[in-house]
C-alpha atoms as a PDB file:
ATOM      1  CA  MET A   1     153.013 102.662  57.978  1.00  0.00           C
ATOM      2  CA  LYS A   2     149.767 103.871  56.951  1.00  0.00           C
ATOM      3  CA  LYS A   3     150.656 101.637  53.917  1.00  0.00           C
ATOM      4  CA  TYR A   4     151.531  99.047  55.972  1.00  0.00           C
ATOM      5  CA  LEU A   5     148.444  99.007  57.882  1.00  0.00           C
ATOM      6  CA  LYS A   6     145.698  99.431  55.527  1.00  0.00           C
ATOM      7  CA  ILE A   7     147.310  95.750  53.695  1.00  0.00           C
ATOM      8  CA  SER A   8     147.180  94.239  56.933  1.00  0.00           C
ATOM      9  CA  SER A   9     143.191  95.155  57.318  1.00  0.00           C
ATOM     10  CA  ILE A  10     142.716  94.001  53.955  1.00  0.00           C
ATOM     11  CA  LEU A  11     144.219  90.798  54.760  1.00  0.00           C
ATOM     12  CA  LEU A  12     142.826  90.494  57.892  1.00  0.00           C
ATOM     13  CA  VAL A  13     139.430  91.095  56.290  1.00  0.00           C
ATOM     14  CA  LEU A  14     140.190  88.135  53.741  1.00  0.00           C
ATOM     15  CA  ALA A  15     141.247  85.425  56.513  1.00  0.00           C
ATOM     16  CA  ILE A  16     137.885  86.380  58.146  1.00  0.00           C
ATOM     17  CA  ILE A  17     135.896  85.335  55.311  1.00  0.00           C
ATOM     18  CA  LEU A  18     137.944  82.456  54.017  1.00  0.00           C
ATOM     19  CA  LEU A  19     137.765  81.158  57.879  1.00  0.00           C
ATOM     20  CA  GLY A  20     133.890  82.163  57.632  1.00  0.00           C
ATOM     21  CA  ALA A  21     133.332  80.140  54.028  1.00  0.00           C
ATOM     22  CA  LYS A  22     135.446  77.082  55.101  1.00  0.00           C
ATOM     23  CA  SER A  23     133.850  76.977  58.839  1.00  0.00           C
ATOM     24  CA  TYR A  24     130.158  77.024  56.630  1.00  0.00           C
ATOM     25  CA  ALA A  25     131.401  74.253  54.646  1.00  0.00           C
ATOM     26  CA  GLU A  26     132.599  72.727  57.051  1.00  0.00           C
ATOM     27  CA  GLU A  27     129.756  72.738  58.788  1.00  0.00           C
ATOM     28  CA  THR A  28     127.296  71.903  55.984  1.00  0.00           C
ATOM     29  CA  LEU A  29     129.537  68.826  55.460  1.00  0.00           C
ATOM     30  CA  THR A  30     129.249  67.954  59.322  1.00  0.00           C
ATOM     31  CA  THR A  31     125.643  68.092  58.691  1.00  0.00           C
ATOM     32  CA  SER A  32     124.382  66.584  55.234  1.00  0.00           C
ATOM     33  CA  ALA A  33     127.303  64.069  54.942  1.00  0.00           C
ATOM     34  CA  PRO A  34     126.085  61.714  57.341  1.00  0.00           C
ATOM     35  CA  ASN A  35     122.430  61.358  56.479  1.00  0.00           C
ATOM     36  CA  THR A  36     123.312  61.366  52.276  1.00  0.00           C
ATOM     37  CA  PRO A  37     123.411  57.383  52.734  1.00  0.00           C
ATOM     38  CA  LYS A  38     121.323  56.821  55.249  1.00  0.00           C
ATOM     39  CA  ALA A  39     118.205  58.858  53.268  1.00  0.00           C
ATOM     40  CA  MET A  40     119.251  56.786  50.051  1.00  0.00           C
ATOM     41  CA  LYS A  41     119.386  53.665  52.082  1.00  0.00           C
ATOM     42  CA  GLN A  42     115.704  54.364  53.176  1.00  0.00           C
ATOM     43  CA  GLN A  43     114.291  55.531  49.434  1.00  0.00           C
ATOM     44  CA  ASN A  44     115.803  51.926  48.415  1.00  0.00           C
ATOM     45  CA  ARG A  45     113.653  50.592  50.929  1.00  0.00           C
ATOM     46  CA  ASP A  46     111.056  52.230  50.051  1.00  0.00           C
ATOM     47  CA  ASP A  47     111.486  51.667  46.187  1.00  0.00           C
ATOM     48  CA  ARG A  48     111.699  47.789  46.976  1.00  0.00           C
ATOM     49  CA  GLU A  49     109.021  47.890  49.304  1.00  0.00           C
ATOM     50  CA  LYS A  50     106.631  49.434  46.767  1.00  0.00           C
ATOM     51  CA  GLN A  51     107.433  47.476  43.844  1.00  0.00           C
ATOM     52  CA  ARG A  52     106.795  44.653  45.771  1.00  0.00           C
ATOM     53  CA  GLU A  53     102.980  46.229  46.824  1.00  0.00           C
ATOM     54  CA  GLU A  54     102.471  46.849  43.055  1.00  0.00           C
ATOM     55  CA  PHE A  55     104.119  42.845  42.271  1.00  0.00           C
ATOM     56  CA  GLN A  56     101.315  41.305  45.105  1.00  0.00           C
ATOM     57  CA  ASN A  57      98.681  43.170  43.698  1.00  0.00           C
ATOM     58  CA  LYS A  58      99.111  42.291  40.092  1.00  0.00           C
ATOM     59  CA  ILE A  59      99.696  38.420  41.236  1.00  0.00           C
ATOM     60  CA  LYS A  60      96.126  39.091  43.300  1.00  0.00           C
ATOM     61  CA  GLU A  61      94.634  40.275  40.152  1.00  0.00           C
ATOM     62  CA  GLN A  62      95.846  37.326  38.221  1.00  0.00           C
ATOM     63  CA  ARG A  63      94.507  35.068  40.152  1.00  0.00           C
ATOM     64  CA  GLU A  64      91.104  36.554  40.346  1.00  0.00           C
ATOM     65  CA  GLU A  65      90.660  37.032  37.068  1.00  0.00           C
ATOM     66  CA  GLY A  66      91.755  33.357  36.280  1.00  0.00           C
ATOM     67  CA  LYS A  67      89.577  31.746  38.930  1.00  0.00           C
ATOM     68  CA  THR A  68      86.532  33.983  37.320  1.00  0.00           C
ATOM     69  CA  GLU A  69      87.720  32.383  34.217  1.00  0.00           C
ATOM     70  CA  ILE A  70      87.874  28.749  35.385  1.00  0.00           C
ATOM     71  CA  LYS A  71      84.723  29.523  37.329  1.00  0.00           C
ATOM     72  CA  ASP A  72      82.990  30.299  33.730  1.00  0.00           C
ATOM     73  CA  GLN A  73      84.977  27.489  31.719  1.00  0.00           C
ATOM     74  CA  LYS A  74      82.789  25.092  34.781  1.00  0.00           C
ATOM     75  CA  LEU A  75      79.648  26.506  34.628  1.00  0.00           C
ATOM     76  CA  GLU A  76      80.119  26.530  30.546  1.00  0.00           C
ATOM     77  CA  ILE A  77      80.764  22.845  31.011  1.00  0.00           C
ATOM     78  CA  LYS A  78      78.396  21.872  33.596  1.00  0.00           C
ATOM     79  CA  THR A  79      75.517  24.001  30.858  1.00  0.00           C
ATOM     80  CA  GLU A  80      76.765  22.055  28.058  1.00  0.00           C
ATOM     81  CA  VAL A  81      76.824  17.979  30.133  1.00  0.00           C
ATOM     82  CA  GLN A  82      73.484  19.057  31.393  1.00  0.00           C
ATOM     83  CA  ASN A  83      71.655  20.212  28.196  1.00  0.00           C
ATOM     84  CA  LEU A  84      73.627  16.426  27.229  1.00  0.00           C
ATOM     85  CA  LEU A  85      71.896  14.372  29.917  1.00  0.00           C
ATOM     86  CA  ASN A  86      68.566  16.699  28.973  1.00  0.00           C
ATOM     87  CA  GLU A  87      68.593  15.609  25.126  1.00  0.00           C
ATOM     88  CA  VAL A  88      69.524  12.148  26.163  1.00  0.00           C
ATOM     89  CA  LYS A  89      66.646  11.355  29.165  1.00  0.00           C
ATOM     90  CA  GLN A  90      64.049  13.412  26.741  1.00  0.00           C
ATOM     91  CA  LYS A  91      64.924  10.970  23.778  1.00  0.00           C
ATOM     92  CA  ARG A  92      64.844   7.882  26.452  1.00  0.00           C
ATOM     93  CA  GLU A  93      61.764   8.530  27.851  1.00  0.00           C
ATOM     94  CA  GLU A  94      59.785   9.130  24.923  1.00  0.00           C
ATOM     95  CA  TYR A  95      61.381   5.643  23.604  1.00  0.00           C
ATOM     96  CA  ARG A  96      60.255   4.577  26.786  1.00  0.00           C
ATOM     97  CA  LYS A  97      56.381   5.350  26.289  1.00  0.00           C
ATOM     98  CA  GLU A  98      56.226   4.326  22.936  1.00  0.00           C
ATOM     99  CA  PHE A  99      57.956   0.586  23.979  1.00  0.00           C
ATOM    100  CA  GLU A 100      55.407   0.968  27.199  1.00  0.00           C
ATOM    101  CA  GLY A 101      52.303   1.151  24.806  1.00  0.00           C
ATOM    102  CA  SER A 102      53.788  -0.972  22.488  1.00  0.00           C
ATOM    103  CA  LYS A 103      53.774  -3.484  25.361  1.00  0.00           C
ATOM    104  CA  GLU A 104      49.729  -2.829  26.472  1.00  0.00           C
ATOM    105  CA  GLU A 105      49.017  -3.569  22.768  1.00  0.00           C
ATOM    106  CA  MET A 106      50.832  -6.907  23.086  1.00  0.00           C
ATOM    107  CA  LYS A 107      49.102  -8.235  25.932  1.00  0.00           C
ATOM    108  CA  ALA A 108      46.113  -7.761  23.999  1.00  0.00           C
ATOM    109  CA  LYS A 109      48.007  -9.034  20.938  1.00  0.00           C
ATOM    110  CA  MET A 110      49.042 -12.278  22.810  1.00  0.00           C
ATOM    111  CA  ALA A 111      45.430 -13.133  24.221  1.00  0.00           C
ATOM    112  CA  GLU A 112      44.428 -13.114  20.660  1.00  0.00           C
ATOM    113  CA  VAL A 113      47.259 -15.417  19.904  1.00  0.00           C
ATOM    114  CA  LYS A 114      47.456 -17.527  22.258  1.00  0.00           C
ATOM    115  CA  ALA A 115      43.514 -18.235  21.449  1.00  0.00           C
ATOM    116  CA  SER A 116      44.357 -19.130  17.816  1.00  0.00           C
ATOM    117  CA  TRP A 117      47.501 -21.233  18.991  1.00  0.00           C
ATOM    118  CA  LYS A 118      44.877 -23.630  21.233  1.00  0.00           C
ATOM    119  CA  GLU A 119      42.779 -24.140  18.065  1.00  0.00           C
ATOM    120  CA  GLU A 120      46.425 -24.804  16.255  1.00  0.00           C
ATOM    121  CA  LEU A 121      46.945 -27.821  18.920  1.00  0.00           C
ATOM    122  CA  GLY A 122      43.816 -29.003  18.423  1.00  0.00           C
ATOM    123  CA  LYS A 123      44.984 -30.752  15.451  1.00  0.00           C
ATOM    124  CA  ILE A 124      47.544 -32.614  17.241  1.00  0.00           C
ATOM    125  CA  LYS A 125      46.377 -35.687  18.539  1.00  0.00           C
ATOM    126  CA  ASP A 126      49.366 -36.985  20.966  1.00  0.00           C
ATOM    127  CA  GLU A 127      48.538 -35.073  23.890  1.00  0.00           C
ATOM    128  CA  LYS A 128      52.340 -35.747  25.206  1.00  0.00           C
ATOM    129  CA  LYS A 129      53.364 -33.551  21.699  1.00  0.00           C
ATOM    130  CA  LYS A 130      50.978 -31.553  21.967  1.00  0.00           C
ATOM    131  CA  LEU A 131      52.219 -30.040  25.838  1.00  0.00           C
ATOM    132  CA  ILE A 132      56.112 -30.096  24.172  1.00  0.00           C
ATOM    133  CA  ALA A 133      54.966 -27.809  21.119  1.00  0.00           C
ATOM    134  CA  ASP A 134      52.715 -25.818  23.677  1.00  0.00           C
ATOM    135  CA  ARG A 135      55.601 -25.212  25.992  1.00  0.00           C
ATOM    136  CA  VAL A 136      57.948 -23.877  22.865  1.00  0.00           C
ATOM    137  CA  PHE A 137      55.332 -21.355  21.976  1.00  0.00           C
ATOM    138  CA  ASN A 138      55.223 -19.817  25.603  1.00  0.00           C
ATOM    139  CA  ASN A 139      59.592 -20.272  26.003  1.00  0.00           C
ATOM    140  CA  ILE A 140      59.621 -18.818  22.463  1.00  0.00           C
ATOM    141  CA  ASN A 141      57.305 -15.569  23.102  1.00  0.00           C
ATOM    142  CA  GLU A 142      58.519 -15.277  26.737  1.00  0.00           C
ATOM    143  CA  LEU A 143      62.377 -15.159  25.538  1.00  0.00           C
ATOM    144  CA  ASN A 144      61.014 -12.626  22.695  1.00  0.00           C
ATOM    145  CA  THR A 145      59.893 -10.109  25.317  1.00  0.00           C
ATOM    146  CA  LEU A 146      62.913 -10.780  28.124  1.00  0.00           C
ATOM    147  CA  ILE A 147      65.570 -10.813  25.738  1.00  0.00           C
ATOM    148  CA  THR A 148      64.100  -7.270  24.176  1.00  0.00           C
ATOM    149  CA  GLY A 149      63.763  -6.204  27.656  1.00  0.00           C
ATOM    150  CA  ARG A 150      67.432  -6.866  27.870  1.00  0.00           C
ATOM    151  CA  LEU A 151      68.499  -5.473  24.692  1.00  0.00           C
ATOM    152  CA  SER A 152      66.896  -2.098  25.450  1.00  0.00           C
ATOM    153  CA  GLU A 153      68.927  -1.739  29.148  1.00  0.00           C
ATOM    154  CA  LYS A 154      72.200  -2.509  27.092  1.00  0.00           C
ATOM    155  CA  ALA A 155      71.309   0.076  24.600  1.00  0.00           C
ATOM    156  CA  ASP A 156      70.609   2.687  28.042  1.00  0.00           C
ATOM    157  CA  GLN A 157      74.208   1.310  29.152  1.00  0.00           C
ATOM    158  CA  ILE A 158      75.616   1.855  25.588  1.00  0.00           C
ATOM    159  CA  GLU A 159      73.946   5.727  25.375  1.00  0.00           C
ATOM    160  CA  ASN A 160      74.696   6.704  29.215  1.00  0.00           C
ATOM    161  CA  VAL A 161      78.946   5.747  27.530  1.00  0.00           C
ATOM    162  CA  LEU A 162      78.236   8.004  24.947  1.00  0.00           C
ATOM    163  CA  VAL A 163      77.096  10.702  26.782  1.00  0.00           C
ATOM    164  CA  SER A 164      80.055  10.523  28.975  1.00  0.00           C
ATOM    165  CA  ILE A 165      82.667  10.844  25.796  1.00  0.00           C
ATOM    166  CA  GLU A 166      80.697  13.780  24.807  1.00  0.00           C
ATOM    167  CA  SER A 167      80.909  15.396  27.766  1.00  0.00           C
ATOM    168  CA  ARG A 168      84.905  15.023  27.896  1.00  0.00           C
ATOM    169  CA  ILE A 169      84.748  16.484  24.714  1.00  0.00           C
ATOM    170  CA  SER A 170      83.141  19.551  25.899  1.00  0.00           C
ATOM    171  CA  LYS A 171      85.941  19.727  28.769  1.00  0.00           C
ATOM    172  CA  ALA A 172      88.826  19.157  25.968  1.00  0.00           C
ATOM    173  CA  LYS A 173      86.904  22.209  23.727  1.00  0.00           C
ATOM    174  CA  ASN A 174      86.659  24.566  26.534  1.00  0.00           C
ATOM    175  CA  ASN A 175      90.744  23.861  27.035  1.00  0.00           C
ATOM    176  CA  GLY A 176      91.538  24.527  23.904  1.00  0.00           C
ATOM    177  CA  THR A 177      92.194  21.065  22.407  1.00  0.00           C
ATOM    178  CA  ASP A 178      90.834  20.526  18.444  1.00  0.00           C
ATOM    179  CA  VAL A 179      88.678  17.057  18.669  1.00  0.00           C
ATOM    180  CA  SER A 180      86.995  17.803  15.701  1.00  0.00           C
ATOM    181  CA  SER A 181      87.792  14.907  14.552  1.00  0.00           C
ATOM    182  CA  LEU A 182      85.397  12.748  16.868  1.00  0.00           C
ATOM    183  CA  ASP A 183      82.375  15.151  14.956  1.00  0.00           C
ATOM    184  CA  SER A 184      81.712  12.108  12.610  1.00  0.00           C
ATOM    185  CA  TYR A 185      82.290   9.521  15.151  1.00  0.00           C
ATOM    186  CA  ILE A 186      79.776  10.755  17.409  1.00  0.00           C
ATOM    187  CA  SER A 187      77.353  11.419  15.157  1.00  0.00           C
ATOM    188  CA  LYS A 188      77.631   7.453  13.754  1.00  0.00           C
ATOM    189  CA  ALA A 189      77.479   6.241  17.741  1.00  0.00           C
ATOM    190  CA  LYS A 190      74.137   8.279  17.775  1.00  0.00           C
ATOM    191  CA  ASP A 191      72.511   6.632  14.538  1.00  0.00           C
ATOM    192  CA  ALA A 192      73.809   3.471  15.632  1.00  0.00           C
ATOM    193  CA  ILE A 193      71.926   3.880  18.877  1.00  0.00           C
ATOM    194  CA  SER A 194      68.955   4.722  17.369  1.00  0.00           C
ATOM    195  CA  SER A 195      68.921   2.324  14.572  1.00  0.00           C
ATOM    196  CA  ALA A 196      69.664  -0.175  17.474  1.00  0.00           C
ATOM    197  CA  ARG A 197      66.042   0.939  19.701  1.00  0.00           C
ATOM    198  CA  ASP A 198      64.301   0.955  16.556  1.00  0.00           C
ATOM    199  CA  ALA A 199      65.493  -2.503  16.035  1.00  0.00           C
ATOM    200  CA  ILE A 200      64.915  -3.622  19.808  1.00  0.00           C
ATOM    201  CA  LYS A 201      60.887  -2.123  19.458  1.00  0.00           C
ATOM    202  CA  THR A 202      60.428  -3.883  16.277  1.00  0.00           C
ATOM    203  CA  GLN A 203      61.369  -7.503  17.757  1.00  0.00           C
ATOM    204  CA  SER A 204      58.927  -6.291  20.850  1.00  0.00           C
ATOM    205  CA  GLU A 205      56.187  -6.013  19.043  1.00  0.00           C
ATOM    206  CA  LYS A 206      56.205  -9.686  17.082  1.00  0.00           C
ATOM    207  CA  THR A 207      54.949 -13.101  18.108  1.00  0.00           C
ATOM    208  CA  TYR A 208      55.818 -16.058  17.250  1.00  0.00           C
ATOM    209  CA  ASN A 209      52.690 -18.114  16.002  1.00  0.00           C
ATOM    210  CA  THR A 210      52.455 -21.140  13.160  1.00  0.00           C
ATOM    211  CA  THR A 211      49.888 -23.682  11.081  1.00  0.00           C
ATOM    212  CA  LEU A 212      50.249 -26.817  12.477  1.00  0.00           C
ATOM    213  CA  THR A 213      49.369 -30.099   9.975  1.00  0.00           C
ATOM    214  CA  ASP A 214      49.371 -32.618  11.867  1.00  0.00           C
ATOM    215  CA  ASP A 215      51.317 -35.218  14.574  1.00  0.00           C
ATOM    216  CA  THR A 216      53.760 -36.202  11.500  1.00  0.00           C
ATOM    217  CA  GLN A 217      54.699 -32.474  10.674  1.00  0.00           C
ATOM    218  CA  LEU A 218      55.027 -30.914  14.697  1.00  0.00           C
ATOM    219  CA  LYS A 219      58.600 -31.227  15.184  1.00  0.00           C
ATOM    220  CA  THR A 220      59.358 -29.335  10.980  1.00  0.00           C
ATOM    221  CA  GLU A 221      56.667 -26.673  12.289  1.00  0.00           C
ATOM    222  CA  MET A 222      58.088 -25.769  15.551  1.00  0.00           C
ATOM    223  CA  GLN A 223      61.238 -26.233  14.434  1.00  0.00           C
ATOM    224  CA  ALA A 224      60.630 -23.417  11.558  1.00  0.00           C
ATOM    225  CA  LEU A 225      59.625 -21.365  14.861  1.00  0.00           C
ATOM    226  CA  ARG A 226      62.326 -21.681  16.784  1.00  0.00           C
ATOM    227  CA  ASP A 227      64.616 -20.894  13.516  1.00  0.00           C
ATOM    228  CA  GLN A 228      62.297 -17.522  12.669  1.00  0.00           C
ATOM    229  CA  PHE A 229      62.911 -16.292  16.133  1.00  0.00           C
ATOM    230  CA  LYS A 230      66.617 -16.929  16.956  1.00  0.00           C
ATOM    231  CA  THR A 231      66.559 -15.062  13.466  1.00  0.00           C
ATOM    232  CA  ASP A 232      64.865 -11.862  13.972  1.00  0.00           C
ATOM    233  CA  ILE A 233      66.342 -11.854  17.606  1.00  0.00           C
ATOM    234  CA  LYS A 234      69.428 -11.768  16.309  1.00  0.00           C
ATOM    235  CA  VAL A 235      69.125  -8.990  14.182  1.00  0.00           C
ATOM    236  CA  ALA A 236      67.868  -7.028  17.538  1.00  0.00           C
ATOM    237  CA  SER A 237      71.077  -8.783  19.009  1.00  0.00           C
ATOM    238  CA  GLU A 238      73.850  -7.288  16.196  1.00  0.00           C
ATOM    239  CA  ALA A 239      72.167  -4.090  16.209  1.00  0.00           C
ATOM    240  CA  VAL A 240      72.803  -3.045  19.829  1.00  0.00           C
ATOM    241  CA  LYS A 241      76.454  -4.770  19.043  1.00  0.00           C
ATOM    242  CA  SER A 242      76.633  -1.906  16.362  1.00  0.00           C
ATOM    243  CA  ALA A 243      76.054   0.757  18.527  1.00  0.00           C
ATOM    244  CA  HIS A 244      78.649  -0.556  21.074  1.00  0.00           C
ATOM    245  CA  GLU A 245      81.392  -1.173  18.354  1.00  0.00           C
ATOM    246  CA  ALA A 246      80.253   2.957  17.425  1.00  0.00           C
ATOM    247  CA  VAL A 247      80.406   4.037  20.500  1.00  0.00           C
ATOM    248  CA  LYS A 248      83.624   1.936  21.596  1.00  0.00           C
ATOM    249  CA  ASN A 249      85.368   3.391  18.535  1.00  0.00           C
ATOM    250  CA  THR A 250      84.573   6.733  19.643  1.00  0.00           C
ATOM    251  CA  ALA A 251      86.022   6.380  23.033  1.00  0.00           C
ATOM    252  CA  THR A 252      89.673   4.651  21.059  1.00  0.00           C
ATOM    253  CA  GLU A 253      89.494   7.560  18.586  1.00  0.00           C
ATOM    254  CA  LEU A 254      88.918  10.093  21.874  1.00  0.00           C
ATOM    255  CA  ALA A 255      91.840   8.385  23.814  1.00  0.00           C
ATOM    256  CA  LYS A 256      93.997   8.938  20.373  1.00  0.00           C
ATOM    257  CA  ILE A 257      94.205  13.085  21.012  1.00  0.00           C
ATOM    258  CA  LYS A 258      96.930  14.199  23.452  1.00  0.00           C
ATOM    259  CA  GLY A 259      96.362  14.944  26.851  1.00  0.00           C
ATOM    260  CA  MET A 260      92.655  12.829  26.603  1.00  0.00           C
ATOM    261  CA  ASP A 261      92.387   9.681  29.208  1.00  0.00           C
ATOM    262  CA  SER A 262      90.971   6.354  27.290  1.00  0.00           C
ATOM    263  CA  THR A 263      87.566   5.396  27.899  1.00  0.00           C
ATOM    264  CA  VAL A 264      87.408   2.700  25.985  1.00  0.00           C
ATOM    265  CA  GLU A 265      87.835   0.609  28.994  1.00  0.00           C
ATOM    266  CA  ASN A 266      83.780   1.815  30.099  1.00  0.00           C
ATOM    267  CA  ALA A 267      83.188   1.324  26.325  1.00  0.00           C
ATOM    268  CA  SER A 268      84.159  -2.834  26.591  1.00  0.00           C
ATOM    269  CA  GLY A 269      82.586  -3.139  29.486  1.00  0.00           C
ATOM    270  CA  THR A 270      78.901  -2.644  27.862  1.00  0.00           C
ATOM    271  CA  SER A 271      79.163  -5.343  25.005  1.00  0.00           C
ATOM    272  CA  SER A 272      75.918  -7.382  24.139  1.00  0.00           C
ATOM    273  CA  SER A 273      76.442 -11.122  24.990  1.00  0.00           C
ATOM    274  CA  ASN A 274      72.567 -11.928  23.630  1.00  0.00           C
END
């Protein structure tokens, strides 16, 4: 009997232990199981939000870096273009000073030429022929001043187009475009413009006079004076046309480079008509 009671006591203790463990397990499952999916969901949301913020911050940094880079490139291009403009302005100012100085010298020189011309006219007896010859003399010298002035303005226009082309080339270089093939064209265009200016200056310093013989030779002598003027002024005009062609060729080559717009139309608008 005692042995039976002892066994029963042991079984009761075991039952109590098992029930306690079961209750603890159920309690643990009851309290923790419902929170695990919720916690994981919240964690996922937190992770996504963090990733989103990191991504947005990275994009923002890249945009700021891009803006800074673009701003620096624009400033660099602007500086290069301004340097080109300053260089052209300086050279043009130097040329104008020389040109204006030549004009002042020409006024004094022309006064001497006219005095000499009046002496030559004294050899002509026919008053009508004398008036015609005098008109031809004045027209030729006035035309020389007028045409060389226009050619000088035309050279300025051609040079402006070249500056525009150089500006586009600078922008292309900063964008990573290979424009090295245009270097020789730019050099030729600059040389052509310089040659045109020299030809214009040389022509502007010329005066037209001739030695008269008598009434019978007057027509022939005046025609020779006209022909000489036409020959001389053509040299200056051709020099300006060569400068125009050199700039136009540069613009044409620029248009051939991928991604570059054509400037040929602007260059064509500067053609000489004299």
